[in-house]
Amino acid sequence: MSSPRFRIGYAFSPKKERSFILPSLIDYAKLHGVDLVRIDPLLPLVHQPPFHCIIHKLYDPSWVKKLHDFTSQFPDVIIIDPPELISRLLNRDSMLQVVNDVKIPKGVERIEAPRQVVVNDLDIIIKDGLNAFRDLGLKYPVIAKPLESDGSAKSHQLSLVSNDNGLKGLNPPIVLQEFVNHGGVVFKVYVVGECVVCVTRKSLQDISAEEVEKLEAVSRFSQISNSGTQGDDEGNVVMPSLDFVMHVAAGLREATGLRLFNFDMIRDSNDLNRYLVIDINYLPGYAKMPNYEPFLTKFFLDIVHEPSDGVAFSSSNVNENVVMFC
């Protein structure tokens, strides 16, 4: 008898499809009994081929309605993930609130969210000056981020702000997030169901109190990890412990109810046991993750079939800047 095949429907923007559904993933998945099938989001789902599971990253209300109508008729088809759960990550105010719900065993390492505030009227802060800024519980420099985090080019327009003048050119509503020195390294943790992968990326370099006054009023960059600034040598970075990463990932998975996401985590340079989650993204660029084809394929098989036994990977059997568990 031939082995069963599973159809995974995907609904992405053209840009997301190009970066996610690579030929290497299609071929690897097909070899293991998984067929990836493109969904036309303009057509009703009931008029398209049957699926065992649907993954998606579209936020248009018409798509959400199509998905809702489909699941009401076919409740056995697994949706990864429900739009109402994804929506929490599309707002940078609600996004990090889930970090407060993460419970990890008591130990040396701690996880927190950075202090941040949503500002709808910058004129009030600029008019009242530094006192108003301090009333918000912040001090310069800060990271200014658009309130919406929907993957659009606008949502990636981040800035490092060093004084009141730097606020003048920003477009509210925005989130002002405390800047924490973190050794110029961000830990990007990819979550694929029960699988977790932690890698390092360069980030903004540490800024001393004396250097703040020498900074430009506002410095723009697309993403912290792609800012182009020279941080610590990534080869010398001490990775977080495997248990800690797994507990944080599991805590966020439970708090969000999501199965495909990543989060950016930094280590406080002044307290090396203090980690902060600074961003959470739904269905990120998994192709940048080491061995993404087997991880995604295993996830699809686990969703539609009995989960297979897990295999642990440590930084020693991949490389010193990657920690994996699956």
Protein backbone atom coordinates (compact mmCIF):
# COMPACT_ATOMS: atom_id res chain seq x y z
CA MET A 1 0.00 0.00 0.00
CA SER A 2 1.20 3.49 -0.78
CA SER A 3 1.90 5.88 2.08
CA PRO A 4 -0.80 8.51 2.74
CA ARG A 5 -0.22 12.01 1.43
CA PHE A 6 -1.23 15.19 3.20
CA ARG A 7 -2.28 18.43 1.51
CA ILE A 8 -1.20 21.65 3.22
CA GLY A 9 -2.86 24.71 1.73
CA TYR A 10 -1.05 28.03 2.05
CA ALA A 11 -2.34 31.58 1.57
CA PHE A 12 0.37 34.25 1.47
CA SER A 13 1.10 37.52 -0.21
CA PRO A 14 3.26 37.11 -3.34
CA LYS A 15 6.29 38.43 -1.43
CA LYS A 16 5.76 36.04 1.47
CA GLU A 17 5.22 33.10 -0.87
CA ARG A 18 8.51 33.80 -2.66
CA SER A 19 10.45 33.89 0.60
CA PHE A 20 8.70 30.97 2.34
CA ILE A 21 7.64 28.39 -0.25
CA LEU A 22 11.08 27.71 -1.67
CA PRO A 23 11.67 24.83 -4.12
CA SER A 24 13.82 23.12 -1.48
CA LEU A 25 10.86 23.07 0.94
CA ILE A 26 8.43 21.85 -1.72
CA ASP A 27 10.77 19.02 -2.70
CA TYR A 28 11.64 17.98 0.85
CA ALA A 29 8.01 18.03 1.97
CA LYS A 30 6.88 16.06 -1.10
CA LEU A 31 9.53 13.44 -0.41
CA HIS A 32 8.00 12.95 3.05
CA GLY A 33 4.36 12.75 1.96
CA VAL A 34 3.39 16.43 2.25
CA ASP A 35 2.05 18.39 -0.73
CA LEU A 36 2.10 22.18 -0.43
CA VAL A 37 -0.80 23.66 -2.39
CA ARG A 38 -1.27 27.33 -3.16
CA ILE A 39 -4.65 28.80 -2.16
CA ASP A 40 -6.21 31.54 -4.27
CA PRO A 41 -7.45 33.99 -1.60
CA LEU A 42 -9.85 35.61 -4.08
CA LEU A 43 -11.89 32.42 -4.45
CA PRO A 44 -14.05 30.72 -1.82
CA LEU A 45 -12.11 28.00 -0.04
CA VAL A 46 -14.91 25.49 -0.56
CA HIS A 47 -14.31 25.72 -4.34
CA GLN A 48 -10.65 24.75 -4.00
CA PRO A 49 -9.02 21.34 -3.48
CA PRO A 50 -9.55 19.67 -0.08
CA PHE A 51 -6.91 20.34 2.56
CA HIS A 52 -5.78 18.61 5.73
CA CYS A 53 -4.38 21.88 7.07
CA ILE A 54 -4.23 25.56 6.07
CA ILE A 55 -1.43 27.97 6.93
CA HIS A 56 -1.83 31.65 6.15
CA LYS A 57 -0.48 35.14 6.61
CA LEU A 58 -3.13 37.44 5.17
CA TYR A 59 -4.89 40.09 7.22
CA ASP A 60 -7.51 41.34 4.78
CA PRO A 61 -11.03 41.19 6.32
CA SER A 62 -12.37 39.41 3.24
CA TRP A 63 -9.83 36.62 3.71
CA VAL A 64 -10.63 36.32 7.42
CA LYS A 65 -14.34 35.99 6.54
CA LYS A 66 -13.60 33.31 3.93
CA LEU A 67 -11.56 31.41 6.49
CA HIS A 68 -14.29 31.71 9.11
CA ASP A 69 -16.98 30.54 6.70
CA PHE A 70 -14.80 27.60 5.66
CA THR A 71 -14.05 26.44 9.21
CA SER A 72 -17.74 26.59 10.12
CA GLN A 73 -18.41 24.06 7.34
CA PHE A 74 -15.22 22.00 7.74
CA PRO A 75 -14.24 22.12 11.42
CA ASP A 76 -11.88 19.16 11.03
CA VAL A 77 -9.49 21.11 8.80
CA ILE A 78 -6.69 22.51 10.97
CA ILE A 79 -6.07 26.25 10.68
CA ILE A 80 -2.59 27.52 11.51
CA ASP A 81 -3.29 29.84 13.19
CA PRO A 82 -6.70 31.42 14.08
CA PRO A 83 -6.81 35.07 12.90
CA GLU A 84 -8.11 36.30 16.25
CA LEU A 85 -4.95 35.00 17.93
CA ILE A 86 -2.63 36.35 15.27
CA SER A 87 -4.17 39.82 15.57
CA ARG A 88 -2.61 40.31 19.01
CA LEU A 89 0.82 40.39 17.39
CA LEU A 90 -0.22 43.05 14.88
CA ASN A 91 -0.21 45.71 17.59
CA ARG A 92 3.04 46.47 19.41
CA ASP A 93 1.17 47.50 22.52
CA SER A 94 -0.64 44.19 22.99
CA MET A 95 2.20 42.13 21.49
CA LEU A 96 4.54 42.24 24.48
CA GLN A 97 1.83 42.03 27.12
CA VAL A 98 1.93 38.26 26.68
CA VAL A 99 5.49 38.22 28.05
CA ASN A 100 4.05 38.99 31.49
CA ASP A 101 2.08 35.74 31.27
CA VAL A 102 5.17 33.61 30.69
CA LYS A 103 5.95 31.42 33.69
CA ILE A 104 9.36 29.81 33.87
CA PRO A 105 10.89 27.77 36.70
CA LYS A 106 12.71 29.85 39.26
CA GLY A 107 16.37 30.06 38.46
CA VAL A 108 19.14 32.49 37.68
CA GLU A 109 17.87 33.63 34.27
CA ARG A 110 14.81 35.90 34.08
CA ILE A 111 12.56 37.02 31.21
CA GLU A 112 10.88 40.41 30.97
CA ALA A 113 9.45 42.87 28.48
CA PRO A 114 11.06 46.30 28.12
CA ARG A 115 9.26 49.38 29.39
CA GLN A 116 7.27 51.02 26.62
CA VAL A 117 4.40 53.46 26.12
CA VAL A 118 2.03 54.23 23.28
CA VAL A 119 2.06 57.88 22.26
CA ASN A 120 -0.80 59.30 20.22
CA ASP A 121 0.14 62.98 20.54
CA LEU A 122 3.83 63.85 20.35
CA ASP A 123 3.14 67.58 20.68
CA ILE A 124 2.35 67.14 24.38
CA ILE A 125 5.72 65.52 25.04
CA ILE A 126 7.65 67.99 22.89
CA LYS A 127 5.90 70.97 24.48
CA ASP A 128 6.49 69.85 28.06
CA GLY A 129 10.02 68.67 27.34
CA LEU A 130 12.12 66.26 29.34
CA ASN A 131 9.83 66.24 32.38
CA ALA A 132 6.94 64.89 30.33
CA PHE A 133 9.21 62.25 28.85
CA ARG A 134 10.38 61.17 32.29
CA ASP A 135 6.77 61.04 33.45
CA LEU A 136 6.31 58.27 30.92
CA GLY A 137 8.94 56.27 32.80
CA LEU A 138 11.51 56.50 30.02
CA LYS A 139 14.86 58.10 29.40
CA TYR A 140 16.83 58.67 26.22
CA PRO A 141 17.73 56.96 24.03
CA VAL A 142 14.55 55.10 23.11
CA ILE A 143 13.44 52.96 20.19
CA ALA A 144 10.46 54.44 18.33
CA LYS A 145 8.29 51.89 16.52
CA PRO A 146 5.02 52.21 14.59
CA LEU A 147 2.11 50.92 16.64
CA GLU A 148 1.04 48.55 13.87
CA SER A 149 3.20 45.50 13.18
CA ASP A 150 1.58 43.97 10.11
CA GLY A 151 4.72 43.20 8.11
CA SER A 152 4.29 46.21 5.82
CA ALA A 153 7.23 48.44 4.92
CA LYS A 154 5.80 51.15 7.17
CA SER A 155 5.69 48.84 10.18
CA HIS A 156 9.47 48.34 9.88
CA GLN A 157 10.29 52.06 10.02
CA LEU A 158 12.08 52.02 13.37
CA SER A 159 14.18 54.81 14.85
CA LEU A 160 16.66 55.38 17.65
CA VAL A 161 15.71 58.68 19.32
CA SER A 162 18.20 60.48 21.55
CA ASN A 163 16.38 63.75 22.46
CA ASP A 164 13.15 65.73 22.11
CA ASN A 165 14.11 67.03 18.68
CA GLY A 166 14.23 63.48 17.44
CA LEU A 167 10.54 63.05 18.22
CA LYS A 168 9.44 65.87 15.92
CA GLY A 169 9.73 63.97 12.67
CA LEU A 170 7.91 60.85 13.86
CA ASN A 171 4.35 59.94 12.89
CA PRO A 172 2.08 58.87 15.76
CA PRO A 173 0.65 56.65 16.97
CA ILE A 174 3.99 55.17 17.92
CA VAL A 175 5.46 52.98 20.61
CA LEU A 176 8.42 54.37 22.56
CA GLN A 177 10.43 51.46 23.94
CA GLU A 178 13.33 51.70 26.36
CA PHE A 179 16.73 51.00 24.86
CA VAL A 180 18.69 48.45 26.87
CA ASN A 181 22.39 47.89 26.21
CA HIS A 182 22.71 44.30 25.07
CA GLY A 183 26.19 43.74 23.71
CA GLY A 184 25.25 44.35 20.09
CA VAL A 185 23.60 40.93 19.76
CA VAL A 186 19.97 39.82 19.48
CA PHE A 187 18.86 36.22 19.93
CA LYS A 188 16.27 35.29 17.32
CA VAL A 189 14.20 32.36 18.50
CA TYR A 190 12.10 30.54 15.92
CA VAL A 191 9.17 28.47 17.13
CA VAL A 192 7.75 25.79 14.83
CA GLY A 193 5.18 23.93 16.89
CA GLU A 194 7.20 22.04 19.48
CA CYS A 195 10.50 22.77 17.71
CA VAL A 196 12.63 25.72 18.80
CA VAL A 197 15.72 27.20 17.14
CA CYS A 198 17.80 30.04 18.62
CA VAL A 199 20.34 31.91 16.48
CA THR A 200 22.33 35.12 16.96
CA ARG A 201 22.18 38.27 14.85
CA LYS A 202 24.06 41.54 15.12
CA SER A 203 22.16 44.41 16.68
CA LEU A 204 22.69 47.98 17.85
CA GLN A 205 25.91 48.53 19.75
CA ASP A 206 25.88 49.54 23.42
CA ILE A 207 25.53 53.26 24.13
CA SER A 208 27.09 54.85 27.21
CA ALA A 209 25.49 57.79 29.02
CA GLU A 210 28.24 60.04 27.68
CA GLU A 211 27.61 58.94 24.10
CA VAL A 212 23.88 59.73 24.18
CA GLU A 213 24.55 63.47 23.87
CA LYS A 214 26.72 62.87 20.80
CA LEU A 215 24.07 60.89 18.92
CA GLU A 216 21.97 62.23 16.08
CA ALA A 217 18.55 63.36 17.31
CA VAL A 218 17.02 60.49 15.39
CA SER A 219 18.67 57.59 13.57
CA ARG A 220 16.46 55.49 11.33
CA PHE A 221 16.90 51.82 10.58
CA SER A 222 14.64 49.10 9.22
CA GLN A 223 15.18 46.36 11.77
CA ILE A 224 17.41 46.23 14.80
CA SER A 225 19.12 43.05 13.66
CA ASN A 226 19.81 44.55 10.21
CA SER A 227 20.92 47.97 11.42
CA GLY A 228 24.45 47.54 10.12
CA THR A 229 26.11 48.64 13.35
CA GLN A 230 29.03 46.61 14.62
CA GLY A 231 28.26 44.82 17.86
CA ASP A 232 30.18 42.17 19.76
CA ASP A 233 31.85 39.39 17.82
CA GLU A 234 29.06 36.85 17.39
CA GLY A 235 31.57 34.05 17.73
CA ASN A 236 32.23 35.11 21.33
CA VAL A 237 28.58 35.31 22.36
CA VAL A 238 27.47 33.01 25.17
CA MET A 239 24.16 31.48 24.12
CA PRO A 240 21.25 31.34 26.58
CA SER A 241 20.83 27.94 28.16
CA LEU A 242 18.76 25.44 26.19
CA ASP A 243 16.34 24.92 29.09
CA PHE A 244 15.75 28.67 29.43
CA VAL A 245 15.08 29.17 25.72
CA MET A 246 12.69 26.22 25.70
CA HIS A 247 10.79 27.49 28.75
CA VAL A 248 10.41 30.98 27.28
CA ALA A 249 9.31 29.58 23.91
CA ALA A 250 6.81 27.23 25.55
CA GLY A 251 5.51 30.05 27.73
CA LEU A 252 4.95 32.32 24.73
CA ARG A 253 3.37 29.48 22.77
CA GLU A 254 0.89 28.95 25.59
CA ALA A 255 0.28 32.67 26.17
CA THR A 256 -0.33 33.45 22.50
CA GLY A 257 -1.96 30.19 21.48
CA LEU A 258 0.17 30.32 18.31
CA ARG A 259 2.34 27.64 16.75
CA LEU A 260 4.34 29.50 14.09
CA PHE A 261 6.19 32.59 15.31
CA ASN A 262 9.54 33.95 16.35
CA PHE A 263 10.65 36.37 19.02
CA ASP A 264 13.66 38.64 19.41
CA MET A 265 15.36 38.42 22.79
CA ILE A 266 18.27 40.44 24.19
CA ARG A 267 20.50 40.06 27.25
CA ASP A 268 20.94 43.13 29.48
CA SER A 269 24.64 44.11 29.42
CA ASN A 270 24.33 45.35 33.02
CA ASP A 271 22.62 42.19 34.27
CA LEU A 272 23.58 39.13 32.24
CA ASN A 273 20.82 37.03 33.80
CA ARG A 274 18.12 39.47 32.64
CA TYR A 275 16.66 38.79 29.20
CA LEU A 276 14.05 40.90 27.43
CA VAL A 277 11.67 39.99 24.62
CA ILE A 278 11.60 43.07 22.38
CA ASP A 279 9.51 41.81 19.45
CA ILE A 280 7.28 38.90 18.42
CA ASN A 281 6.44 38.13 14.80
CA TYR A 282 3.91 35.74 13.32
CA LEU A 283 5.10 33.28 10.65
CA PRO A 284 8.51 34.94 10.14
CA GLY A 285 11.20 34.32 7.53
CA TYR A 286 11.81 30.68 8.38
CA ALA A 287 14.01 30.21 5.32
CA LYS A 288 16.72 32.09 7.26
CA MET A 289 16.59 29.40 9.94
CA PRO A 290 19.11 26.54 9.73
CA ASN A 291 17.57 23.33 8.34
CA TYR A 292 14.19 24.97 7.88
CA GLU A 293 12.92 22.35 5.41
CA PRO A 294 12.96 19.38 7.84
CA PHE A 295 11.66 21.51 10.70
CA LEU A 296 8.64 22.73 8.70
CA THR A 297 7.97 19.30 7.24
CA LYS A 298 8.07 17.68 10.69
CA PHE A 299 5.65 20.35 11.90
CA PHE A 300 3.18 19.60 9.09
CA LEU A 301 3.37 15.86 9.79
CA ASP A 302 2.93 16.41 13.53
CA ILE A 303 -0.16 18.51 12.86
CA VAL A 304 -1.93 16.01 10.61
CA HIS A 305 -0.55 12.80 12.10
CA GLU A 306 0.66 11.39 15.39
CA PRO A 307 3.64 13.44 16.71
CA SER A 308 6.95 11.68 16.27
CA ASP A 309 9.51 11.27 19.02
CA GLY A 310 11.52 14.43 19.61
CA VAL A 311 15.24 14.70 18.98
CA ALA A 312 17.26 17.28 20.86
CA PHE A 313 19.94 19.35 19.13
CA SER A 314 22.39 21.40 21.15
CA SER A 315 24.78 24.14 20.07
CA SER A 316 27.60 21.57 20.02
CA ASN A 317 26.21 19.52 17.15
CA VAL A 318 25.17 22.41 14.90
CA ASN A 319 27.45 25.36 15.62
CA GLU A 320 28.18 27.53 18.60
CA ASN A 321 25.69 30.23 17.57
CA VAL A 322 22.69 27.96 17.08
CA VAL A 323 20.64 26.19 19.75
CA MET A 324 17.95 23.76 18.58
CA PHE A 325 15.40 21.50 20.17
CA CYS A 326 12.81 19.43 18.37
